[in-house]
Amino acid sequence: MSQQTENKEAEVTLRDKVLEALKTVYDPEIPVDIYELGLIYEISIHPVNNVYILMTLTSPNCPAAESIPTEVEQSVKKIEGVNDVNVEITFDPPYSQEMMSEAAKLELGFL
């Protein structure tokens, strides 16, 4: 197996672990994890296992605006092999309920 193939497999495994970690983070006011809510726009794994996460919040005035990104960073940093985590917040595009997964919509009674 080539080094490039091994790196790609390691990246997929790390990405899966990042997804698992993100699914443990909840908005305190909503009983659905932030991934299923559609708050995660991008997950990038850069060389030497640096993780970049682009995310949004349900609104710019979200009461958990400081705690959720910190919890995301801490959850991902706990993953063995992760070197650094950069969490960036954006409101472009603005969050809408259409970004939720079917599971989240069902859980919240939108289906």
Protein backbone atom coordinates (compact mmCIF):
# COMPACT_ATOMS: atom_id res chain seq x y z
CA MET A 1 0.00 0.00 0.00
CA SER A 2 1.36 3.42 -0.92
CA GLN A 3 2.02 6.13 1.66
CA GLN A 4 -0.62 8.30 -0.04
CA THR A 5 -3.26 5.55 0.29
CA GLU A 6 -2.38 5.02 3.95
CA ASN A 7 -2.63 8.77 4.60
CA LYS A 8 -6.03 8.90 2.86
CA GLU A 9 -7.32 6.01 5.01
CA ALA A 10 -5.98 7.69 8.15
CA GLU A 11 -7.71 10.93 7.11
CA VAL A 12 -11.04 9.15 6.63
CA THR A 13 -10.69 7.50 10.03
CA LEU A 14 -9.82 10.81 11.69
CA ARG A 15 -12.74 12.51 9.93
CA ASP A 16 -15.06 9.79 11.22
CA LYS A 17 -13.75 10.37 14.75
CA VAL A 18 -14.28 14.12 14.36
CA LEU A 19 -17.89 13.48 13.27
CA GLU A 20 -18.42 11.25 16.29
CA ALA A 21 -17.04 13.97 18.57
CA LEU A 22 -19.26 16.63 16.98
CA LYS A 23 -22.31 14.46 17.57
CA THR A 24 -21.66 14.71 21.33
CA VAL A 25 -22.07 18.51 21.30
CA TYR A 26 -25.56 19.88 21.82
CA ASP A 27 -27.10 23.33 21.79
CA PRO A 28 -28.28 23.58 25.43
CA GLU A 29 -31.75 24.69 24.29
CA ILE A 30 -32.28 22.01 21.61
CA PRO A 31 -32.25 18.23 22.20
CA VAL A 32 -30.40 17.48 18.93
CA ASP A 33 -26.63 17.43 18.35
CA ILE A 34 -25.04 20.26 16.37
CA TYR A 35 -24.16 18.02 13.42
CA GLU A 36 -27.74 16.83 12.92
CA LEU A 37 -28.94 20.43 13.39
CA GLY A 38 -26.87 21.37 10.35
CA LEU A 39 -24.58 23.77 12.19
CA ILE A 40 -21.41 22.21 10.72
CA TYR A 41 -20.61 23.60 7.26
CA GLU A 42 -17.14 22.16 6.71
CA ILE A 43 -14.66 19.73 8.27
CA SER A 44 -11.13 19.73 6.85
CA ILE A 45 -8.22 17.59 7.95
CA HIS A 46 -4.89 19.25 7.13
CA PRO A 47 -1.40 17.68 7.27
CA VAL A 48 -0.14 16.62 10.67
CA ASN A 49 -3.76 16.07 11.80
CA ASN A 50 -4.78 19.69 12.14
CA VAL A 51 -8.58 19.95 12.07
CA TYR A 52 -10.49 22.94 10.69
CA ILE A 53 -14.23 23.25 11.37
CA LEU A 54 -16.42 25.91 9.81
CA MET A 55 -19.73 26.16 11.61
CA THR A 56 -22.62 28.45 12.35
CA LEU A 57 -25.03 28.97 15.20
CA THR A 58 -28.82 29.02 15.13
CA SER A 59 -28.65 32.83 15.36
CA PRO A 60 -26.01 35.53 15.91
CA ASN A 61 -27.64 36.21 19.30
CA CYS A 62 -27.52 32.55 20.38
CA PRO A 63 -27.04 32.42 24.17
CA ALA A 64 -24.55 29.57 23.69
CA ALA A 65 -22.46 31.53 21.16
CA GLU A 66 -19.33 31.26 23.28
CA SER A 67 -19.84 27.84 24.82
CA ILE A 68 -20.68 25.77 21.71
CA PRO A 69 -17.50 26.60 19.69
CA THR A 70 -15.38 26.01 22.81
CA GLU A 71 -17.09 22.67 23.41
CA VAL A 72 -16.55 21.72 19.74
CA GLU A 73 -12.84 22.51 20.02
CA GLN A 74 -12.45 20.62 23.29
CA SER A 75 -14.36 17.55 22.02
CA VAL A 76 -12.24 17.30 18.87
CA LYS A 77 -8.96 17.94 20.72
CA LYS A 78 -9.68 14.87 22.90
CA ILE A 79 -9.34 12.61 19.82
CA GLU A 80 -6.08 10.69 19.86
CA GLY A 81 -3.78 11.92 17.12
CA VAL A 82 -5.36 15.36 16.64
CA ASN A 83 -2.66 18.00 16.68
CA ASP A 84 -4.61 21.27 16.59
CA VAL A 85 -8.22 22.38 16.14
CA ASN A 86 -9.41 25.62 14.55
CA VAL A 87 -13.13 26.40 14.87
CA GLU A 88 -14.44 29.27 12.79
CA ILE A 89 -17.95 30.72 13.12
CA THR A 90 -19.75 32.14 10.11
CA PHE A 91 -23.27 33.39 9.46
CA ASP A 92 -22.94 33.14 5.69
CA PRO A 93 -25.11 31.45 4.68
CA PRO A 94 -27.45 32.17 7.57
CA TYR A 95 -28.80 29.14 9.41
CA SER A 96 -32.26 27.87 8.53
CA GLN A 97 -34.32 24.84 9.52
CA GLU A 98 -33.80 23.37 6.04
CA MET A 99 -30.20 22.61 7.10
CA MET A 100 -31.38 20.05 9.67
CA SER A 101 -31.14 16.35 8.96
CA GLU A 102 -34.34 14.32 8.64
CA ALA A 103 -33.56 12.80 12.06
CA ALA A 104 -33.33 16.26 13.66
CA LYS A 105 -36.58 17.40 12.04
CA LEU A 106 -38.31 14.26 13.27
CA GLU A 107 -36.89 14.68 16.81
CA LEU A 108 -38.06 18.30 16.95
CA GLY A 109 -41.50 17.55 15.50
CA PHE A 110 -41.02 19.28 12.13
CA LEU A 111 -42.01 16.11 10.21
